[in-house]
N, C-alpha and C. Protein backbone atom coordinates (compact mmCIF):
# COMPACT_ATOMS: atom_id res chain seq x y z
N MET A 1 0.85 -1.18 0.00
CA MET A 1 0.00 0.00 0.00
C MET A 1 0.89 1.24 0.00
N ALA A 2 0.56 2.21 -0.81
CA ALA A 2 1.34 3.44 -0.95
C ALA A 2 1.19 4.30 0.31
N GLU A 3 2.24 5.01 0.63
CA GLU A 3 2.22 5.92 1.77
C GLU A 3 1.29 7.10 1.44
N PRO A 4 0.41 7.48 2.36
CA PRO A 4 -0.51 8.59 2.07
C PRO A 4 0.26 9.89 1.88
N LYS A 5 -0.27 10.73 1.03
CA LYS A 5 0.37 12.02 0.77
C LYS A 5 0.08 12.98 1.91
N PHE A 6 1.06 13.84 2.16
CA PHE A 6 0.95 14.81 3.25
C PHE A 6 -0.32 15.64 3.12
N GLU A 7 -0.58 16.12 1.92
CA GLU A 7 -1.73 17.01 1.71
C GLU A 7 -3.05 16.31 2.08
N LYS A 8 -3.18 15.04 1.71
CA LYS A 8 -4.40 14.28 2.04
C LYS A 8 -4.52 14.10 3.54
N LEU A 9 -3.40 13.79 4.18
CA LEU A 9 -3.42 13.62 5.64
C LEU A 9 -3.78 14.92 6.34
N LEU A 10 -3.25 16.02 5.84
CA LEU A 10 -3.53 17.32 6.44
C LEU A 10 -5.02 17.67 6.26
N GLU A 11 -5.57 17.39 5.09
CA GLU A 11 -7.01 17.63 4.87
C GLU A 11 -7.84 16.80 5.84
N GLU A 12 -7.44 15.54 6.02
CA GLU A 12 -8.15 14.65 6.95
C GLU A 12 -8.07 15.21 8.37
N LEU A 13 -6.90 15.66 8.77
CA LEU A 13 -6.72 16.22 10.11
C LEU A 13 -7.58 17.47 10.28
N GLU A 14 -7.59 18.34 9.29
CA GLU A 14 -8.40 19.56 9.37
C GLU A 14 -9.89 19.23 9.46
N ARG A 15 -10.33 18.22 8.71
CA ARG A 15 -11.73 17.81 8.74
C ARG A 15 -12.09 17.29 10.13
N LEU A 16 -11.22 16.46 10.69
CA LEU A 16 -11.47 15.90 12.02
C LEU A 16 -11.53 16.99 13.07
N VAL A 17 -10.62 17.94 13.00
CA VAL A 17 -10.61 19.04 13.96
C VAL A 17 -11.90 19.85 13.85
N ALA A 18 -12.34 20.12 12.63
CA ALA A 18 -13.58 20.89 12.44
C ALA A 18 -14.77 20.14 13.04
N GLU A 19 -14.82 18.83 12.83
CA GLU A 19 -15.93 18.05 13.38
C GLU A 19 -15.90 18.05 14.91
N LEU A 20 -14.71 17.96 15.47
CA LEU A 20 -14.59 17.99 16.93
C LEU A 20 -14.96 19.37 17.49
N GLU A 21 -14.58 20.41 16.78
CA GLU A 21 -14.86 21.77 17.25
C GLU A 21 -16.35 22.09 17.21
N GLU A 22 -17.09 21.44 16.31
CA GLU A 22 -18.54 21.68 16.25
C GLU A 22 -19.22 21.27 17.54
N GLY A 23 -18.69 20.24 18.19
CA GLY A 23 -19.24 19.83 19.48
C GLY A 23 -20.53 19.05 19.41
N ASP A 24 -20.94 18.58 18.23
CA ASP A 24 -22.20 17.87 18.07
C ASP A 24 -22.04 16.35 18.18
N LEU A 25 -20.88 15.87 18.58
CA LEU A 25 -20.61 14.44 18.62
C LEU A 25 -20.83 13.89 20.01
N GLY A 26 -21.23 12.63 20.05
CA GLY A 26 -21.28 11.94 21.32
C GLY A 26 -19.87 11.60 21.77
N LEU A 27 -19.73 11.17 23.00
CA LEU A 27 -18.41 10.89 23.55
C LEU A 27 -17.67 9.83 22.75
N ASP A 28 -18.33 8.73 22.41
CA ASP A 28 -17.66 7.66 21.67
C ASP A 28 -17.19 8.14 20.30
N ASP A 29 -18.05 8.85 19.59
CA ASP A 29 -17.67 9.37 18.27
C ASP A 29 -16.54 10.39 18.38
N ALA A 30 -16.61 11.23 19.39
CA ALA A 30 -15.57 12.24 19.59
C ALA A 30 -14.23 11.56 19.87
N LEU A 31 -14.23 10.52 20.69
CA LEU A 31 -12.99 9.81 20.99
C LEU A 31 -12.42 9.14 19.75
N LYS A 32 -13.29 8.55 18.94
CA LYS A 32 -12.83 7.90 17.70
C LYS A 32 -12.19 8.94 16.77
N LYS A 33 -12.84 10.07 16.64
CA LYS A 33 -12.30 11.12 15.76
C LYS A 33 -11.01 11.70 16.33
N TYR A 34 -10.95 11.83 17.65
CA TYR A 34 -9.73 12.32 18.29
C TYR A 34 -8.57 11.35 18.02
N GLU A 35 -8.83 10.05 18.19
CA GLU A 35 -7.80 9.04 17.93
C GLU A 35 -7.35 9.07 16.48
N ALA A 36 -8.30 9.21 15.56
CA ALA A 36 -7.97 9.30 14.13
C ALA A 36 -7.14 10.56 13.86
N GLY A 37 -7.47 11.65 14.55
CA GLY A 37 -6.73 12.89 14.40
C GLY A 37 -5.29 12.76 14.89
N VAL A 38 -5.12 12.08 16.01
CA VAL A 38 -3.77 11.88 16.54
C VAL A 38 -2.94 11.05 15.57
N LYS A 39 -3.55 10.01 15.00
CA LYS A 39 -2.84 9.18 14.01
C LYS A 39 -2.45 10.00 12.78
N ALA A 40 -3.39 10.82 12.29
CA ALA A 40 -3.11 11.66 11.11
C ALA A 40 -2.01 12.66 11.44
N TYR A 41 -2.06 13.24 12.63
CA TYR A 41 -1.03 14.19 13.06
C TYR A 41 0.34 13.53 13.09
N LYS A 42 0.42 12.34 13.66
CA LYS A 42 1.71 11.64 13.77
C LYS A 42 2.26 11.29 12.39
N LYS A 43 1.38 10.90 11.47
CA LYS A 43 1.83 10.60 10.10
C LYS A 43 2.32 11.88 9.41
N CYS A 44 1.59 12.99 9.58
CA CYS A 44 2.03 14.27 9.01
C CYS A 44 3.39 14.66 9.57
N ARG A 45 3.54 14.55 10.85
CA ARG A 45 4.79 14.91 11.52
C ARG A 45 5.95 14.06 10.99
N ALA A 46 5.71 12.75 10.82
CA ALA A 46 6.75 11.85 10.32
C ALA A 46 7.14 12.22 8.89
N LEU A 47 6.16 12.56 8.06
CA LEU A 47 6.45 12.95 6.68
C LEU A 47 7.24 14.26 6.64
N LEU A 48 6.89 15.20 7.52
CA LEU A 48 7.63 16.47 7.57
C LEU A 48 9.07 16.24 8.03
N GLU A 49 9.25 15.38 9.01
CA GLU A 49 10.60 15.09 9.49
C GLU A 49 11.43 14.41 8.40
N LYS A 50 10.79 13.51 7.67
CA LYS A 50 11.47 12.82 6.57
C LYS A 50 11.88 13.83 5.49
N ALA A 51 10.99 14.74 5.17
CA ALA A 51 11.29 15.76 4.16
C ALA A 51 12.41 16.68 4.65
N GLU A 52 12.37 17.04 5.92
CA GLU A 52 13.39 17.92 6.46
C GLU A 52 14.78 17.31 6.34
N ARG A 53 14.87 16.00 6.55
CA ARG A 53 16.16 15.33 6.44
C ARG A 53 16.68 15.32 5.01
N LYS A 54 15.79 15.44 4.05
CA LYS A 54 16.19 15.39 2.64
C LYS A 54 16.57 16.75 2.07
N ILE A 55 16.19 17.80 2.77
CA ILE A 55 16.40 19.14 2.22
C ILE A 55 17.89 19.45 2.11
N GLU A 56 18.25 19.91 0.96
CA GLU A 56 19.60 20.42 0.76
C GLU A 56 19.47 21.82 0.18
N ILE A 57 20.35 22.69 0.57
CA ILE A 57 20.33 24.05 0.06
C ILE A 57 21.50 24.23 -0.89
N LEU A 58 21.21 24.80 -2.03
CA LEU A 58 22.28 25.06 -3.00
C LEU A 58 22.89 26.44 -2.74
N PHE A 59 24.19 26.49 -2.80
CA PHE A 59 24.92 27.73 -2.59
C PHE A 59 25.91 27.94 -3.74
N LYS A 60 26.19 29.18 -4.03
CA LYS A 60 27.26 29.50 -4.97
C LYS A 60 28.53 29.73 -4.17
N ASP A 61 29.59 29.08 -4.61
CA ASP A 61 30.85 29.32 -3.93
C ASP A 61 31.50 30.58 -4.50
N GLN A 62 32.70 30.90 -4.08
CA GLN A 62 33.35 32.13 -4.50
C GLN A 62 33.60 32.20 -5.99
N SER A 63 33.71 31.05 -6.65
CA SER A 63 33.95 31.05 -8.09
C SER A 63 32.64 31.07 -8.89
N GLY A 64 31.51 31.13 -8.19
CA GLY A 64 30.22 31.17 -8.88
C GLY A 64 29.62 29.80 -9.14
N GLU A 65 30.32 28.75 -8.75
CA GLU A 65 29.82 27.39 -8.93
C GLU A 65 28.81 27.07 -7.83
N LEU A 66 27.78 26.30 -8.20
CA LEU A 66 26.80 25.87 -7.20
C LEU A 66 27.37 24.69 -6.43
N THR A 67 27.24 24.74 -5.13
CA THR A 67 27.64 23.63 -4.28
C THR A 67 26.46 23.25 -3.41
N ARG A 68 26.49 22.03 -2.92
CA ARG A 68 25.41 21.57 -2.05
C ARG A 68 25.86 21.59 -0.61
N GLN A 69 24.91 21.92 0.25
CA GLN A 69 25.18 21.90 1.68
C GLN A 69 23.96 21.31 2.37
N GLU A 70 24.17 20.43 3.31
CA GLU A 70 23.06 19.84 4.05
C GLU A 70 22.32 20.92 4.82
N PHE A 71 21.03 20.80 4.88
CA PHE A 71 20.19 21.71 5.65
C PHE A 71 20.42 21.44 7.13
N LYS A 72 20.61 22.50 7.90
CA LYS A 72 20.81 22.37 9.34
C LYS A 72 19.63 23.02 10.05
N PRO A 73 18.66 22.22 10.52
CA PRO A 73 17.49 22.80 11.21
C PRO A 73 17.92 23.68 12.37
N GLY A 74 17.45 24.91 12.36
CA GLY A 74 17.76 25.83 13.43
C GLY A 74 19.20 26.29 13.45
N GLY A 75 19.95 25.90 12.43
CA GLY A 75 21.36 26.25 12.40
C GLY A 75 21.65 27.32 11.38
N ASP A 76 22.92 27.53 11.15
CA ASP A 76 23.38 28.52 10.18
C ASP A 76 23.43 27.87 8.81
N ASN A 77 22.62 28.34 7.88
CA ASN A 77 22.59 27.81 6.52
C ASN A 77 23.14 28.81 5.52
N SER A 78 23.99 29.70 5.99
CA SER A 78 24.50 30.77 5.14
C SER A 78 25.54 30.30 4.15
N GLY A 79 26.10 29.12 4.37
CA GLY A 79 27.13 28.62 3.47
C GLY A 79 28.53 29.02 3.89
N ASP A 80 28.63 29.76 4.98
CA ASP A 80 29.95 30.21 5.46
C ASP A 80 30.43 29.31 6.58
N SER A 81 30.45 28.01 6.38
CA SER A 81 30.78 27.06 7.44
C SER A 81 32.20 27.20 7.89
């Protein structure tokens, strides 16, 4: 089975949140939707973390050539390592 796309998971999460915010659900239905929302959130988070690990930033070196540098979350990505 193919891994769900981030956008579809995010839509599902937004739909679940909207249904929970309406407040028209019984306790059992609300818990089921909450559990489904937590699962969708965790999958979204995992996909974002996976994407973050893949990000590379291209930089031009002093000679004008493009070089690759690994993305450093929260770090200095200026290329002046």
